[in-house]
N, C-alpha and C. Protein backbone atom coordinates (compact mmCIF):
# COMPACT_ATOMS: atom_id res chain seq x y z
N MET A 1 -85.64 28.32 -47.02
CA MET A 1 -84.22 28.26 -46.61
C MET A 1 -83.50 27.49 -47.71
N ALA A 2 -82.67 28.21 -48.44
CA ALA A 2 -81.92 27.61 -49.55
C ALA A 2 -80.63 27.02 -49.03
N GLY A 3 -80.19 25.96 -49.64
CA GLY A 3 -78.97 25.27 -49.24
C GLY A 3 -78.70 24.21 -50.28
N LYS A 4 -77.60 23.46 -50.01
CA LYS A 4 -77.24 22.40 -50.89
C LYS A 4 -78.27 21.21 -50.73
N PRO A 5 -78.71 20.64 -51.77
CA PRO A 5 -79.60 19.48 -51.64
C PRO A 5 -78.82 18.28 -51.08
N LEU A 6 -79.52 17.46 -50.33
CA LEU A 6 -78.91 16.26 -49.80
C LEU A 6 -78.83 15.16 -50.84
N HIS A 7 -77.80 14.37 -50.86
CA HIS A 7 -77.65 13.28 -51.83
C HIS A 7 -77.48 12.01 -51.03
N ILE A 8 -78.13 11.01 -51.53
CA ILE A 8 -78.04 9.63 -50.88
C ILE A 8 -76.82 9.00 -51.34
N VAL A 9 -75.97 8.56 -50.46
CA VAL A 9 -74.74 7.82 -50.76
C VAL A 9 -75.15 6.43 -51.05
N PRO A 10 -74.50 5.78 -51.98
CA PRO A 10 -74.84 4.40 -52.37
C PRO A 10 -74.83 3.48 -51.13
N PRO A 11 -75.80 2.57 -50.99
CA PRO A 11 -75.88 1.78 -49.78
C PRO A 11 -74.68 0.85 -49.59
N VAL A 12 -74.36 0.65 -48.31
CA VAL A 12 -73.28 -0.23 -47.90
C VAL A 12 -73.93 -1.33 -47.10
N SER A 13 -73.66 -2.59 -47.31
CA SER A 13 -74.32 -3.64 -46.61
C SER A 13 -74.15 -3.50 -45.09
N GLY A 14 -75.22 -3.64 -44.37
CA GLY A 14 -75.16 -3.60 -42.92
C GLY A 14 -75.18 -2.17 -42.34
N VAL A 15 -75.26 -1.11 -43.25
CA VAL A 15 -75.18 0.22 -42.75
C VAL A 15 -76.41 0.96 -43.15
N ALA A 16 -77.03 1.78 -42.30
CA ALA A 16 -78.19 2.53 -42.63
C ALA A 16 -77.84 3.57 -43.73
N GLU A 17 -78.87 4.22 -44.26
CA GLU A 17 -78.60 5.26 -45.30
C GLU A 17 -77.77 6.37 -44.61
N ILE A 18 -76.83 6.88 -45.44
CA ILE A 18 -75.98 8.00 -45.01
C ILE A 18 -76.18 9.15 -46.03
N TYR A 19 -76.30 10.30 -45.56
CA TYR A 19 -76.48 11.49 -46.46
C TYR A 19 -75.19 12.25 -46.58
N ASP A 20 -74.77 12.55 -47.84
CA ASP A 20 -73.63 13.39 -48.13
C ASP A 20 -74.02 14.85 -47.95
N LEU A 21 -73.37 15.53 -47.00
CA LEU A 21 -73.68 16.96 -46.79
C LEU A 21 -72.81 17.87 -47.64
N GLY A 22 -72.19 17.34 -48.64
CA GLY A 22 -71.45 18.19 -49.59
C GLY A 22 -70.03 18.57 -49.15
N ARG A 23 -69.52 17.90 -48.13
CA ARG A 23 -68.18 18.25 -47.72
C ARG A 23 -67.08 17.49 -48.43
N GLY A 24 -67.42 16.37 -48.97
CA GLY A 24 -66.41 15.55 -49.63
C GLY A 24 -65.80 14.72 -48.57
N PRO A 25 -64.88 13.76 -49.07
CA PRO A 25 -64.28 12.80 -48.14
C PRO A 25 -63.30 13.53 -47.20
N GLU A 26 -63.22 13.00 -46.01
CA GLU A 26 -62.30 13.55 -45.09
C GLU A 26 -60.90 13.00 -45.26
N THR A 27 -59.91 13.91 -45.26
CA THR A 27 -58.51 13.40 -45.46
C THR A 27 -58.09 12.76 -44.17
N THR A 28 -56.94 11.99 -44.25
CA THR A 28 -56.39 11.36 -43.09
C THR A 28 -56.02 12.40 -42.03
N GLY A 29 -55.38 13.50 -42.52
CA GLY A 29 -54.99 14.57 -41.55
C GLY A 29 -56.21 15.22 -40.89
N GLU A 30 -57.25 15.43 -41.63
CA GLU A 30 -58.45 16.02 -40.97
C GLU A 30 -59.04 15.03 -40.01
N ARG A 31 -59.04 13.77 -40.39
CA ARG A 31 -59.65 12.77 -39.47
C ARG A 31 -58.84 12.71 -38.15
N VAL A 32 -57.51 12.77 -38.29
CA VAL A 32 -56.67 12.67 -37.09
C VAL A 32 -56.96 13.89 -36.23
N LYS A 33 -57.05 15.07 -36.80
CA LYS A 33 -57.34 16.26 -35.97
C LYS A 33 -58.71 16.12 -35.30
N ARG A 34 -59.70 15.72 -36.07
CA ARG A 34 -61.03 15.56 -35.52
C ARG A 34 -61.02 14.59 -34.33
N LEU A 35 -60.37 13.47 -34.56
CA LEU A 35 -60.35 12.42 -33.43
C LEU A 35 -59.60 12.91 -32.26
N GLN A 36 -58.48 13.62 -32.46
CA GLN A 36 -57.69 14.17 -31.36
C GLN A 36 -58.53 15.23 -30.59
N ALA A 37 -59.29 16.02 -31.30
CA ALA A 37 -60.21 17.00 -30.63
C ALA A 37 -61.24 16.34 -29.81
N GLU A 38 -61.82 15.23 -30.41
CA GLU A 38 -62.83 14.46 -29.71
C GLU A 38 -62.26 13.89 -28.43
N ALA A 39 -61.04 13.26 -28.56
CA ALA A 39 -60.37 12.69 -27.38
C ALA A 39 -60.15 13.74 -26.26
N ARG A 40 -59.62 14.89 -26.65
CA ARG A 40 -59.45 15.96 -25.70
C ARG A 40 -60.72 16.40 -25.02
N MET A 41 -61.81 16.49 -25.80
CA MET A 41 -63.10 16.83 -25.24
C MET A 41 -63.59 15.74 -24.27
N LEU A 42 -63.45 14.53 -24.63
CA LEU A 42 -63.92 13.48 -23.73
C LEU A 42 -63.05 13.38 -22.45
N ALA A 43 -61.73 13.62 -22.59
CA ALA A 43 -60.86 13.64 -21.43
C ALA A 43 -61.23 14.74 -20.52
N ARG A 44 -61.58 15.94 -21.03
CA ARG A 44 -61.97 17.06 -20.26
C ARG A 44 -63.26 16.79 -19.42
N GLU A 45 -64.22 16.19 -20.19
CA GLU A 45 -65.48 15.80 -19.52
C GLU A 45 -65.27 14.86 -18.39
N GLU A 46 -64.36 13.92 -18.56
CA GLU A 46 -64.05 12.96 -17.47
C GLU A 46 -63.37 13.65 -16.27
N VAL A 47 -62.51 14.61 -16.58
CA VAL A 47 -61.81 15.33 -15.47
C VAL A 47 -62.88 16.19 -14.72
N GLU A 48 -63.75 16.81 -15.52
CA GLU A 48 -64.81 17.68 -14.90
C GLU A 48 -65.74 16.76 -14.02
N ARG A 49 -65.97 15.53 -14.47
CA ARG A 49 -66.80 14.66 -13.64
C ARG A 49 -66.04 14.27 -12.33
N LEU A 50 -64.75 14.02 -12.47
CA LEU A 50 -63.92 13.73 -11.26
C LEU A 50 -64.00 14.93 -10.26
N ASP A 51 -63.89 16.14 -10.86
CA ASP A 51 -63.99 17.34 -10.00
C ASP A 51 -65.33 17.39 -9.23
N ARG A 52 -66.44 17.16 -9.92
CA ARG A 52 -67.74 17.12 -9.26
C ARG A 52 -67.83 16.06 -8.19
N ASP A 53 -67.27 14.87 -8.53
CA ASP A 53 -67.30 13.74 -7.56
C ASP A 53 -66.40 14.05 -6.31
N LEU A 54 -65.32 14.69 -6.50
CA LEU A 54 -64.45 15.10 -5.41
C LEU A 54 -65.14 16.13 -4.47
N ARG A 55 -65.79 17.09 -5.09
CA ARG A 55 -66.53 18.07 -4.32
C ARG A 55 -67.67 17.45 -3.53
N CYS A 56 -68.37 16.49 -4.19
CA CYS A 56 -69.44 15.80 -3.49
C CYS A 56 -68.87 14.97 -2.34
N LEU A 57 -67.81 14.30 -2.55
CA LEU A 57 -67.15 13.50 -1.45
C LEU A 57 -66.71 14.45 -0.31
N ALA A 58 -66.14 15.60 -0.62
CA ALA A 58 -65.70 16.58 0.42
C ALA A 58 -66.88 17.02 1.27
N CYS A 59 -68.05 17.23 0.54
CA CYS A 59 -69.26 17.70 1.26
C CYS A 59 -69.77 16.58 2.18
N GLN A 60 -69.80 15.40 1.71
CA GLN A 60 -70.24 14.25 2.49
C GLN A 60 -69.39 14.05 3.71
N ALA A 61 -68.04 14.14 3.50
CA ALA A 61 -67.13 13.98 4.61
C ALA A 61 -67.31 15.06 5.65
N GLU A 62 -67.58 16.33 5.17
CA GLU A 62 -67.80 17.44 6.04
C GLU A 62 -69.04 17.25 6.93
N THR A 63 -70.07 16.68 6.32
CA THR A 63 -71.29 16.44 7.00
C THR A 63 -71.06 15.39 8.17
N ILE A 64 -70.28 14.33 7.85
CA ILE A 64 -69.90 13.41 8.87
C ILE A 64 -69.06 14.03 10.01
N ALA A 65 -68.12 14.82 9.56
CA ALA A 65 -67.19 15.51 10.54
C ALA A 65 -67.95 16.37 11.49
N GLU A 66 -68.98 17.03 11.00
CA GLU A 66 -69.78 17.90 11.82
C GLU A 66 -71.02 17.25 12.43
N GLY A 67 -71.09 15.91 12.31
CA GLY A 67 -72.26 15.19 12.75
C GLY A 67 -72.46 14.99 14.24
N GLY A 68 -71.58 15.49 15.00
CA GLY A 68 -71.66 15.43 16.42
C GLY A 68 -71.45 14.03 16.97
N GLU A 69 -72.11 13.79 18.08
CA GLU A 69 -71.94 12.55 18.81
C GLU A 69 -72.55 11.28 18.07
N ALA A 70 -73.25 11.51 17.07
CA ALA A 70 -73.82 10.42 16.25
C ALA A 70 -72.69 9.55 15.64
N TYR A 71 -71.53 10.22 15.41
CA TYR A 71 -70.43 9.45 14.79
C TYR A 71 -69.31 9.37 15.85
N PRO A 72 -68.57 8.27 15.90
CA PRO A 72 -67.42 8.16 16.83
C PRO A 72 -66.34 9.26 16.51
N ALA A 73 -65.64 9.67 17.59
CA ALA A 73 -64.64 10.77 17.47
C ALA A 73 -63.61 10.46 16.38
N GLY A 74 -63.07 9.22 16.32
CA GLY A 74 -62.04 8.89 15.34
C GLY A 74 -62.58 9.04 13.92
N ILE A 75 -63.83 8.68 13.66
CA ILE A 75 -64.34 8.82 12.34
C ILE A 75 -64.64 10.26 12.01
N ARG A 76 -65.07 11.04 13.00
CA ARG A 76 -65.30 12.54 12.73
C ARG A 76 -63.99 13.19 12.37
N GLU A 77 -62.88 12.83 13.06
CA GLU A 77 -61.56 13.39 12.77
C GLU A 77 -61.13 13.02 11.38
N LEU A 78 -61.24 11.76 11.05
CA LEU A 78 -60.78 11.27 9.77
C LEU A 78 -61.67 11.92 8.67
N ALA A 79 -62.96 11.99 8.84
CA ALA A 79 -63.83 12.65 7.87
C ALA A 79 -63.49 14.12 7.70
N SER A 80 -63.13 14.82 8.78
CA SER A 80 -62.71 16.22 8.69
C SER A 80 -61.48 16.35 7.78
N ARG A 81 -60.49 15.51 8.04
CA ARG A 81 -59.29 15.57 7.17
C ARG A 81 -59.55 15.22 5.75
N ILE A 82 -60.41 14.19 5.55
CA ILE A 82 -60.73 13.89 4.14
C ILE A 82 -61.45 15.07 3.48
N SER A 83 -62.34 15.66 4.17
CA SER A 83 -63.03 16.85 3.66
C SER A 83 -62.09 17.95 3.17
N VAL A 84 -61.23 18.33 4.01
CA VAL A 84 -60.26 19.39 3.68
C VAL A 84 -59.38 19.02 2.62
N GLU A 85 -58.73 17.85 2.66
CA GLU A 85 -57.81 17.41 1.65
C GLU A 85 -58.46 17.18 0.31
N THR A 86 -59.65 16.64 0.30
CA THR A 86 -60.33 16.39 -0.97
C THR A 86 -60.77 17.71 -1.63
N ALA A 87 -61.25 18.65 -0.80
CA ALA A 87 -61.64 19.95 -1.37
C ALA A 87 -60.36 20.63 -1.96
N GLN A 88 -59.28 20.54 -1.28
CA GLN A 88 -58.07 21.19 -1.80
C GLN A 88 -57.61 20.53 -3.12
N ARG A 89 -57.72 19.21 -3.24
CA ARG A 89 -57.39 18.57 -4.50
C ARG A 89 -58.35 18.95 -5.62
N ALA A 90 -59.61 19.11 -5.23
CA ALA A 90 -60.62 19.51 -6.27
C ALA A 90 -60.29 20.94 -6.73
N ASP A 91 -59.82 21.81 -5.82
CA ASP A 91 -59.43 23.17 -6.19
C ASP A 91 -58.21 23.18 -7.16
N ILE A 92 -57.29 22.27 -6.89
CA ILE A 92 -56.12 22.19 -7.70
C ILE A 92 -56.52 21.70 -9.12
N LEU A 93 -57.38 20.70 -9.11
CA LEU A 93 -57.81 20.13 -10.37
C LEU A 93 -58.54 21.17 -11.24
N GLN A 94 -59.37 22.01 -10.53
CA GLN A 94 -60.11 23.04 -11.21
C GLN A 94 -59.15 24.12 -11.83
N ALA A 95 -58.10 24.44 -11.00
CA ALA A 95 -57.14 25.47 -11.50
C ALA A 95 -56.39 24.93 -12.69
N LEU A 96 -56.05 23.63 -12.71
CA LEU A 96 -55.38 23.07 -13.87
C LEU A 96 -56.31 23.09 -15.09
N LEU A 97 -57.58 22.75 -14.91
CA LEU A 97 -58.48 22.79 -16.04
C LEU A 97 -58.61 24.20 -16.61
N GLN A 98 -58.66 25.18 -15.72
CA GLN A 98 -58.80 26.65 -16.21
C GLN A 98 -57.59 27.02 -16.90
N ARG A 99 -56.44 26.52 -16.49
CA ARG A 99 -55.17 26.92 -17.14
C ARG A 99 -55.10 26.32 -18.54
N LEU A 100 -55.71 25.09 -18.73
CA LEU A 100 -55.72 24.49 -20.06
C LEU A 100 -56.72 25.16 -21.07
N GLY A 101 -57.66 25.90 -20.44
CA GLY A 101 -58.57 26.64 -21.33
C GLY A 101 -59.85 25.99 -21.64
């Protein structure tokens, strides 16, 4: 496999060896774009985690709502509402994520 040879960058105190992959230094504009892309990616991951957590909560609430006499009537009713409302919000969140691409 032919490619560019790796070059060792001069050592910097307190930093492990770094290898130059031949791209040259990153400009400020390139760095800003890269950091913005990373921030968007991390934000999306966080929203996806929220979506999963909401769906898990809705499922747990539905289990309680359908738990029969083991749970008091007021708790079953509240859990039923939480289940429906949380699932709806998770659906809205998912739709917004899909719209963003």
